PDB file of all heavy atoms in Angstrom:
ATOM      1  N   THR A   1      -4.065  -6.516 -16.667  1.00  0.00           N
ATOM      2  CA  THR A   1      -5.026  -7.329 -15.933  1.00  0.00           C
ATOM      3  C   THR A   1      -6.420  -6.726 -16.074  1.00  0.00           C
ATOM      4  O   THR A   1      -6.557  -5.496 -16.137  1.00  0.00           O
ATOM      5  CB  THR A   1      -4.665  -7.421 -14.441  1.00  0.00           C
ATOM      6  OG1 THR A   1      -5.715  -8.130 -13.748  1.00  0.00           O
ATOM      7  CG2 THR A   1      -4.483  -6.050 -13.819  1.00  0.00           C
ATOM      8  N   THR A   2      -7.420  -7.586 -16.152  1.00  0.00           N
ATOM      9  CA  THR A   2      -8.808  -7.122 -16.227  1.00  0.00           C
ATOM     10  C   THR A   2      -9.477  -7.088 -14.860  1.00  0.00           C
ATOM     11  O   THR A   2     -10.611  -6.629 -14.736  1.00  0.00           O
ATOM     12  CB  THR A   2      -9.616  -8.038 -17.158  1.00  0.00           C
ATOM     13  OG1 THR A   2      -9.569  -9.379 -16.650  1.00  0.00           O
ATOM     14  CG2 THR A   2      -9.058  -8.002 -18.571  1.00  0.00           C
ATOM     15  N   PHE A   3      -8.748  -7.577 -13.837  1.00  0.00           N
ATOM     16  CA  PHE A   3      -9.351  -7.697 -12.508  1.00  0.00           C
ATOM     17  C   PHE A   3      -9.057  -6.511 -11.599  1.00  0.00           C
ATOM     18  O   PHE A   3      -9.755  -6.307 -10.607  1.00  0.00           O
ATOM     19  CB  PHE A   3      -8.872  -8.981 -11.822  1.00  0.00           C
ATOM     20  CG  PHE A   3      -9.220 -10.233 -12.569  1.00  0.00           C
ATOM     21  CD1 PHE A   3      -8.248 -11.158 -12.898  1.00  0.00           C
ATOM     22  CD2 PHE A   3     -10.530 -10.484 -12.950  1.00  0.00           C
ATOM     23  CE1 PHE A   3      -8.573 -12.315 -13.584  1.00  0.00           C
ATOM     24  CE2 PHE A   3     -10.862 -11.648 -13.640  1.00  0.00           C
ATOM     25  CZ  PHE A   3      -9.879 -12.563 -13.966  1.00  0.00           C
ATOM     26  N   TYR A   4      -8.018  -5.738 -11.908  1.00  0.00           N
ATOM     27  CA  TYR A   4      -7.597  -4.670 -10.994  1.00  0.00           C
ATOM     28  C   TYR A   4      -7.294  -3.398 -11.770  1.00  0.00           C
ATOM     29  O   TYR A   4      -6.774  -3.436 -12.899  1.00  0.00           O
ATOM     30  CB  TYR A   4      -6.324  -5.064 -10.222  1.00  0.00           C
ATOM     31  CG  TYR A   4      -6.460  -6.295  -9.366  1.00  0.00           C
ATOM     32  CD1 TYR A   4      -6.103  -7.557  -9.866  1.00  0.00           C
ATOM     33  CD2 TYR A   4      -6.923  -6.218  -8.061  1.00  0.00           C
ATOM     34  CE1 TYR A   4      -6.207  -8.697  -9.078  1.00  0.00           C
ATOM     35  CE2 TYR A   4      -7.032  -7.353  -7.263  1.00  0.00           C
ATOM     36  CZ  TYR A   4      -6.667  -8.588  -7.780  1.00  0.00           C
ATOM     37  OH  TYR A   4      -6.777  -9.705  -7.002  1.00  0.00           O
ATOM     38  N   ASP A   5      -7.593  -2.281 -11.146  1.00  0.00           N
ATOM     39  CA  ASP A   5      -7.038  -0.993 -11.565  1.00  0.00           C
ATOM     40  C   ASP A   5      -5.711  -0.873 -10.807  1.00  0.00           C
ATOM     41  O   ASP A   5      -5.699  -0.638  -9.585  1.00  0.00           O
ATOM     42  CB  ASP A   5      -7.993   0.140 -11.188  1.00  0.00           C
ATOM     43  CG  ASP A   5      -7.467   1.511 -11.590  1.00  0.00           C
ATOM     44  OD1 ASP A   5      -6.234   1.727 -11.501  1.00  0.00           O
ATOM     45  OD2 ASP A   5      -8.267   2.359 -11.982  1.00  0.00           O
ATOM     46  N   VAL A   6      -4.608  -1.070 -11.516  1.00  0.00           N
ATOM     47  CA  VAL A   6      -3.311  -1.221 -10.847  1.00  0.00           C
ATOM     48  C   VAL A   6      -2.960   0.010 -10.023  1.00  0.00           C
ATOM     49  O   VAL A   6      -2.533  -0.095  -8.867  1.00  0.00           O
ATOM     50  CB  VAL A   6      -2.206  -1.542 -11.876  1.00  0.00           C
ATOM     51  CG1 VAL A   6      -0.836  -1.531 -11.199  1.00  0.00           C
ATOM     52  CG2 VAL A   6      -2.466  -2.885 -12.527  1.00  0.00           C
ATOM     53  N   GLU A   7      -3.154   1.216 -10.587  1.00  0.00           N
ATOM     54  CA  GLU A   7      -2.806   2.431  -9.841  1.00  0.00           C
ATOM     55  C   GLU A   7      -3.605   2.527  -8.552  1.00  0.00           C
ATOM     56  O   GLU A   7      -3.053   2.811  -7.483  1.00  0.00           O
ATOM     57  CB  GLU A   7      -3.052   3.671 -10.704  1.00  0.00           C
ATOM     58  CG  GLU A   7      -1.927   3.996 -11.646  1.00  0.00           C
ATOM     59  CD  GLU A   7      -2.102   5.383 -12.259  1.00  0.00           C
ATOM     60  OE1 GLU A   7      -2.455   6.327 -11.513  1.00  0.00           O
ATOM     61  OE2 GLU A   7      -1.903   5.505 -13.470  1.00  0.00           O
ATOM     62  N   GLU A   8      -4.893   2.315  -8.655  1.00  0.00           N
ATOM     63  CA  GLU A   8      -5.741   2.407  -7.455  1.00  0.00           C
ATOM     64  C   GLU A   8      -5.377   1.318  -6.454  1.00  0.00           C
ATOM     65  O   GLU A   8      -5.319   1.572  -5.234  1.00  0.00           O
ATOM     66  CB  GLU A   8      -7.211   2.286  -7.850  1.00  0.00           C
ATOM     67  CG  GLU A   8      -8.160   2.393  -6.658  1.00  0.00           C
ATOM     68  CD  GLU A   8      -9.606   2.233  -7.058  1.00  0.00           C
ATOM     69  OE1 GLU A   8      -9.888   2.176  -8.276  1.00  0.00           O
ATOM     70  OE2 GLU A   8     -10.476   2.164  -6.159  1.00  0.00           O
ATOM     71  N   THR A   9      -5.115   0.122  -6.937  1.00  0.00           N
ATOM     72  CA  THR A   9      -4.770  -0.989  -6.041  1.00  0.00           C
ATOM     73  C   THR A   9      -3.496  -0.703  -5.269  1.00  0.00           C
ATOM     74  O   THR A   9      -3.401  -0.985  -4.059  1.00  0.00           O
ATOM     75  CB  THR A   9      -4.619  -2.295  -6.845  1.00  0.00           C
ATOM     76  OG1 THR A   9      -5.851  -2.577  -7.531  1.00  0.00           O
ATOM     77  CG2 THR A   9      -4.269  -3.459  -5.925  1.00  0.00           C
ATOM     78  N   LEU A  10      -2.518  -0.122  -5.929  1.00  0.00           N
ATOM     79  CA  LEU A  10      -1.230   0.142  -5.275  1.00  0.00           C
ATOM     80  C   LEU A  10      -1.366   1.148  -4.131  1.00  0.00           C
ATOM     81  O   LEU A  10      -0.541   1.145  -3.214  1.00  0.00           O
ATOM     82  CB  LEU A  10      -0.210   0.653  -6.298  1.00  0.00           C
ATOM     83  CG  LEU A  10       0.309  -0.376  -7.302  1.00  0.00           C
ATOM     84  CD1 LEU A  10       1.282   0.272  -8.287  1.00  0.00           C
ATOM     85  CD2 LEU A  10       0.984  -1.553  -6.601  1.00  0.00           C
ATOM     86  N   THR A  11      -2.365   1.995  -4.167  1.00  0.00           N
ATOM     87  CA  THR A  11      -2.534   2.980  -3.096  1.00  0.00           C
ATOM     88  C   THR A  11      -3.488   2.513  -2.006  1.00  0.00           C
ATOM     89  O   THR A  11      -3.595   3.164  -0.965  1.00  0.00           O
ATOM     90  CB  THR A  11      -3.052   4.315  -3.668  1.00  0.00           C
ATOM     91  OG1 THR A  11      -4.313   4.089  -4.323  1.00  0.00           O
ATOM     92  CG2 THR A  11      -2.060   4.903  -4.652  1.00  0.00           C
ATOM     93  N   THR A  12      -4.190   1.394  -2.241  1.00  0.00           N
ATOM     94  CA  THR A  12      -5.181   0.937  -1.254  1.00  0.00           C
ATOM     95  C   THR A  12      -4.809  -0.387  -0.601  1.00  0.00           C
ATOM     96  O   THR A  12      -5.579  -0.908   0.218  1.00  0.00           O
ATOM     97  CB  THR A  12      -6.554   0.787  -1.936  1.00  0.00           C
ATOM     98  OG1 THR A  12      -6.460  -0.116  -3.046  1.00  0.00           O
ATOM     99  CG2 THR A  12      -7.052   2.139  -2.430  1.00  0.00           C
ATOM    100  N   LEU A  13      -3.663  -0.935  -0.926  1.00  0.00           N
ATOM    101  CA  LEU A  13      -3.216  -2.177  -0.281  1.00  0.00           C
ATOM    102  C   LEU A  13      -3.005  -1.934   1.210  1.00  0.00           C
ATOM    103  O   LEU A  13      -2.475  -0.898   1.627  1.00  0.00           O
ATOM    104  CB  LEU A  13      -1.917  -2.677  -0.914  1.00  0.00           C
ATOM    105  CG  LEU A  13      -2.005  -3.209  -2.352  1.00  0.00           C
ATOM    106  CD1 LEU A  13      -0.600  -3.374  -2.936  1.00  0.00           C
ATOM    107  CD2 LEU A  13      -2.747  -4.543  -2.390  1.00  0.00           C
ATOM    108  N   GLY A  14      -3.389  -2.911   2.033  1.00  0.00           N
ATOM    109  CA  GLY A  14      -3.172  -2.808   3.468  1.00  0.00           C
ATOM    110  C   GLY A  14      -1.788  -3.285   3.863  1.00  0.00           C
ATOM    111  O   GLY A  14      -1.003  -3.779   3.035  1.00  0.00           O
ATOM    112  N   ILE A  15      -1.463  -3.151   5.140  1.00  0.00           N
ATOM    113  CA  ILE A  15      -0.173  -3.632   5.648  1.00  0.00           C
ATOM    114  C   ILE A  15      -0.118  -5.152   5.488  1.00  0.00           C
ATOM    115  O   ILE A  15      -1.064  -5.864   5.841  1.00  0.00           O
ATOM    116  CB  ILE A  15       0.006  -3.246   7.118  1.00  0.00           C
ATOM    117  CG1 ILE A  15       0.067  -1.730   7.263  1.00  0.00           C
ATOM    118  CG2 ILE A  15       1.278  -3.879   7.689  1.00  0.00           C
ATOM    119  CD1 ILE A  15       0.092  -1.258   8.708  1.00  0.00           C
ATOM    120  N   GLY A  16       0.980  -5.625   4.932  1.00  0.00           N
ATOM    121  CA  GLY A  16       1.118  -7.064   4.709  1.00  0.00           C
ATOM    122  C   GLY A  16       0.405  -7.558   3.468  1.00  0.00           C
ATOM    123  O   GLY A  16       0.251  -8.771   3.281  1.00  0.00           O
ATOM    124  N   GLU A  17      -0.031  -6.655   2.608  1.00  0.00           N
ATOM    125  CA  GLU A  17      -0.628  -7.010   1.328  1.00  0.00           C
ATOM    126  C   GLU A  17       0.254  -6.477   0.204  1.00  0.00           C
ATOM    127  O   GLU A  17       0.948  -5.465   0.367  1.00  0.00           O
ATOM    128  CB  GLU A  17      -2.043  -6.456   1.194  1.00  0.00           C
ATOM    129  CG  GLU A  17      -3.017  -7.041   2.200  1.00  0.00           C
ATOM    130  CD  GLU A  17      -4.416  -6.481   2.075  1.00  0.00           C
ATOM    131  OE1 GLU A  17      -4.584  -5.457   1.370  1.00  0.00           O
ATOM    132  OE2 GLU A  17      -5.345  -7.052   2.675  1.00  0.00           O
ATOM    133  N   ALA A  18       0.220  -7.146  -0.949  1.00  0.00           N
ATOM    134  CA  ALA A  18       1.081  -6.751  -2.058  1.00  0.00           C
ATOM    135  C   ALA A  18       0.439  -7.145  -3.380  1.00  0.00           C
ATOM    136  O   ALA A  18      -0.376  -8.076  -3.444  1.00  0.00           O
ATOM    137  CB  ALA A  18       2.452  -7.400  -1.926  1.00  0.00           C
ATOM    138  N   LEU A  19       0.796  -6.423  -4.421  1.00  0.00           N
ATOM    139  CA  LEU A  19       0.427  -6.786  -5.780  1.00  0.00           C
ATOM    140  C   LEU A  19       1.568  -7.641  -6.331  1.00  0.00           C
ATOM    141  O   LEU A  19       2.715  -7.181  -6.388  1.00  0.00           O
ATOM    142  CB  LEU A  19       0.211  -5.543  -6.633  1.00  0.00           C
ATOM    143  CG  LEU A  19      -0.476  -5.742  -7.984  1.00  0.00           C
ATOM    144  CD1 LEU A  19      -1.902  -6.253  -7.799  1.00  0.00           C
ATOM    145  CD2 LEU A  19      -0.478  -4.443  -8.800  1.00  0.00           C
ATOM    146  N   VAL A  20       1.255  -8.875  -6.723  1.00  0.00           N
ATOM    147  CA  VAL A  20       2.294  -9.860  -7.033  1.00  0.00           C
ATOM    148  C   VAL A  20       2.173 -10.342  -8.468  1.00  0.00           C
ATOM    149  O   VAL A  20       1.067 -10.647  -8.947  1.00  0.00           O
ATOM    150  CB  VAL A  20       2.194 -11.071  -6.075  1.00  0.00           C
ATOM    151  CG1 VAL A  20       3.195 -12.156  -6.477  1.00  0.00           C
ATOM    152  CG2 VAL A  20       2.423 -10.634  -4.641  1.00  0.00           C
ATOM    153  N   THR A  21       3.294 -10.402  -9.165  1.00  0.00           N
ATOM    154  CA  THR A  21       3.398 -11.084 -10.449  1.00  0.00           C
ATOM    155  C   THR A  21       4.699 -11.880 -10.444  1.00  0.00           C
ATOM    156  O   THR A  21       5.725 -11.403  -9.932  1.00  0.00           O
ATOM    157  CB  THR A  21       3.366 -10.101 -11.630  1.00  0.00           C
ATOM    158  OG1 THR A  21       3.553 -10.834 -12.858  1.00  0.00           O
ATOM    159  CG2 THR A  21       4.461  -9.058 -11.528  1.00  0.00           C
ATOM    160  N   THR A  22       4.646 -13.092 -10.967  1.00  0.00           N
ATOM    161  CA  THR A  22       5.818 -13.973 -10.951  1.00  0.00           C
ATOM    162  C   THR A  22       6.022 -14.585 -12.329  1.00  0.00           C
ATOM    163  O   THR A  22       5.131 -14.545 -13.188  1.00  0.00           O
ATOM    164  CB  THR A  22       5.648 -15.109  -9.924  1.00  0.00           C
ATOM    165  OG1 THR A  22       4.637 -16.012 -10.387  1.00  0.00           O
ATOM    166  CG2 THR A  22       5.269 -14.570  -8.555  1.00  0.00           C
ATOM    167  N   LEU A  23       7.199 -15.149 -12.526  1.00  0.00           N
ATOM    168  CA  LEU A  23       7.479 -15.909 -13.742  1.00  0.00           C
ATOM    169  C   LEU A  23       7.087 -17.360 -13.518  1.00  0.00           C
ATOM    170  O   LEU A  23       7.487 -17.971 -12.528  1.00  0.00           O
ATOM    171  CB  LEU A  23       8.959 -15.824 -14.111  1.00  0.00           C
ATOM    172  CG  LEU A  23       9.458 -14.544 -14.779  1.00  0.00           C
ATOM    173  CD1 LEU A  23      10.942 -14.684 -15.091  1.00  0.00           C
ATOM    174  CD2 LEU A  23       8.682 -14.240 -16.049  1.00  0.00           C
ATOM    175  N   SER A  24       6.331 -17.899 -14.440  1.00  0.00           N
ATOM    176  CA  SER A  24       5.960 -19.314 -14.357  1.00  0.00           C
ATOM    177  C   SER A  24       7.158 -20.162 -14.769  1.00  0.00           C
ATOM    178  O   SER A  24       8.135 -19.651 -15.339  1.00  0.00           O
ATOM    179  CB  SER A  24       4.784 -19.597 -15.289  1.00  0.00           C
ATOM    180  OG  SER A  24       5.194 -19.482 -16.654  1.00  0.00           O
ATOM    181  N   PRO A  25       7.150 -21.481 -14.497  1.00  0.00           N
ATOM    182  CA  PRO A  25       8.257 -22.345 -14.927  1.00  0.00           C
ATOM    183  C   PRO A  25       8.532 -22.288 -16.426  1.00  0.00           C
ATOM    184  O   PRO A  25       9.641 -22.579 -16.865  1.00  0.00           O
ATOM    185  CB  PRO A  25       7.786 -23.740 -14.488  1.00  0.00           C
ATOM    186  CG  PRO A  25       6.907 -23.481 -13.306  1.00  0.00           C
ATOM    187  CD  PRO A  25       6.188 -22.205 -13.640  1.00  0.00           C
ATOM    188  N   SER A  26       7.530 -21.885 -17.203  1.00  0.00           N
ATOM    189  CA  SER A  26       7.742 -21.751 -18.645  1.00  0.00           C
ATOM    190  C   SER A  26       8.290 -20.377 -19.015  1.00  0.00           C
ATOM    191  O   SER A  26       8.532 -20.091 -20.199  1.00  0.00           O
ATOM    192  CB  SER A  26       6.425 -21.994 -19.390  1.00  0.00           C
ATOM    193  OG  SER A  26       5.439 -21.047 -18.999  1.00  0.00           O
ATOM    194  N   GLY A  27       8.486 -19.503 -18.019  1.00  0.00           N
ATOM    195  CA  GLY A  27       9.054 -18.185 -18.269  1.00  0.00           C
ATOM    196  C   GLY A  27       8.058 -17.117 -18.619  1.00  0.00           C
ATOM    197  O   GLY A  27       8.440 -16.004 -19.003  1.00  0.00           O
ATOM    198  N   VAL A  28       6.760 -17.405 -18.493  1.00  0.00           N
ATOM    199  CA  VAL A  28       5.713 -16.432 -18.808  1.00  0.00           C
ATOM    200  C   VAL A  28       5.302 -15.702 -17.538  1.00  0.00           C
ATOM    201  O   VAL A  28       4.972 -16.340 -16.532  1.00  0.00           O
ATOM    202  CB  VAL A  28       4.487 -17.136 -19.429  1.00  0.00           C
ATOM    203  CG1 VAL A  28       3.384 -16.113 -19.729  1.00  0.00           C
ATOM    204  CG2 VAL A  28       4.880 -17.882 -20.694  1.00  0.00           C
ATOM    205  N   PRO A  29       5.295 -14.364 -17.546  1.00  0.00           N
ATOM    206  CA  PRO A  29       4.877 -13.639 -16.341  1.00  0.00           C
ATOM    207  C   PRO A  29       3.380 -13.785 -16.108  1.00  0.00           C
ATOM    208  O   PRO A  29       2.577 -13.727 -17.051  1.00  0.00           O
ATOM    209  CB  PRO A  29       5.258 -12.186 -16.644  1.00  0.00           C
ATOM    210  CG  PRO A  29       5.339 -12.104 -18.126  1.00  0.00           C
ATOM    211  CD  PRO A  29       5.760 -13.445 -18.610  1.00  0.00           C
ATOM    212  N   SER A  30       3.001 -13.974 -14.855  1.00  0.00           N
ATOM    213  CA  SER A  30       1.584 -14.078 -14.508  1.00  0.00           C
ATOM    214  C   SER A  30       0.957 -12.694 -14.510  1.00  0.00           C
ATOM    215  O   SER A  30       1.651 -11.680 -14.363  1.00  0.00           O
ATOM    216  CB  SER A  30       1.425 -14.715 -13.129  1.00  0.00           C
ATOM    217  OG  SER A  30       1.867 -13.804 -12.120  1.00  0.00           O
ATOM    218  N   GLN A  31      -0.376 -12.645 -14.680  1.00  0.00           N
ATOM    219  CA  GLN A  31      -1.032 -11.371 -14.477  1.00  0.00           C
ATOM    220  C   GLN A  31      -1.000 -11.053 -12.979  1.00  0.00           C
ATOM    221  O   GLN A  31      -0.916 -11.955 -12.139  1.00  0.00           O
ATOM    222  CB  GLN A  31      -2.460 -11.404 -14.994  1.00  0.00           C
ATOM    223  CG  GLN A  31      -3.388 -12.387 -14.325  1.00  0.00           C
ATOM    224  CD  GLN A  31      -4.804 -12.242 -14.857  1.00  0.00           C
ATOM    225  OE1 GLN A  31      -5.363 -11.142 -14.888  1.00  0.00           O
ATOM    226  NE2 GLN A  31      -5.391 -13.348 -15.302  1.00  0.00           N
ATOM    227  N   PRO A  32      -1.004  -9.790 -12.602  1.00  0.00           N
ATOM    228  CA  PRO A  32      -0.858  -9.433 -11.185  1.00  0.00           C
ATOM    229  C   PRO A  32      -2.112  -9.741 -10.383  1.00  0.00           C
ATOM    230  O   PRO A  32      -3.234  -9.604 -10.876  1.00  0.00           O
ATOM    231  CB  PRO A  32      -0.579  -7.929 -11.225  1.00  0.00           C
ATOM    232  CG  PRO A  32      -1.194  -7.458 -12.500  1.00  0.00           C
ATOM    233  CD  PRO A  32      -1.075  -8.589 -13.465  1.00  0.00           C
ATOM    234  N   PHE A  33      -1.886 -10.143  -9.132  1.00  0.00           N
ATOM    235  CA  PHE A  33      -2.970 -10.371  -8.185  1.00  0.00           C
ATOM    236  C   PHE A  33      -2.628  -9.671  -6.877  1.00  0.00           C
ATOM    237  O   PHE A  33      -1.476  -9.700  -6.427  1.00  0.00           O
ATOM    238  CB  PHE A  33      -3.167 -11.865  -7.907  1.00  0.00           C
ATOM    239  CG  PHE A  33      -3.750 -12.637  -9.057  1.00  0.00           C
ATOM    240  CD1 PHE A  33      -2.928 -13.198 -10.019  1.00  0.00           C
ATOM    241  CD2 PHE A  33      -5.121 -12.775  -9.198  1.00  0.00           C
ATOM    242  CE1 PHE A  33      -3.455 -13.900 -11.090  1.00  0.00           C
ATOM    243  CE2 PHE A  33      -5.667 -13.473 -10.263  1.00  0.00           C
ATOM    244  CZ  PHE A  33      -4.842 -14.037 -11.214  1.00  0.00           C
TER     245      PHE A  33
END
């Protein structure tokens, strides 16, 4: 992803927040948000 530093994001998420990636109906994984 070009929007997040994944390592830094994983340590700064608040309670009830998450880094999410899912499979689209076509089977392609989304970039994390």
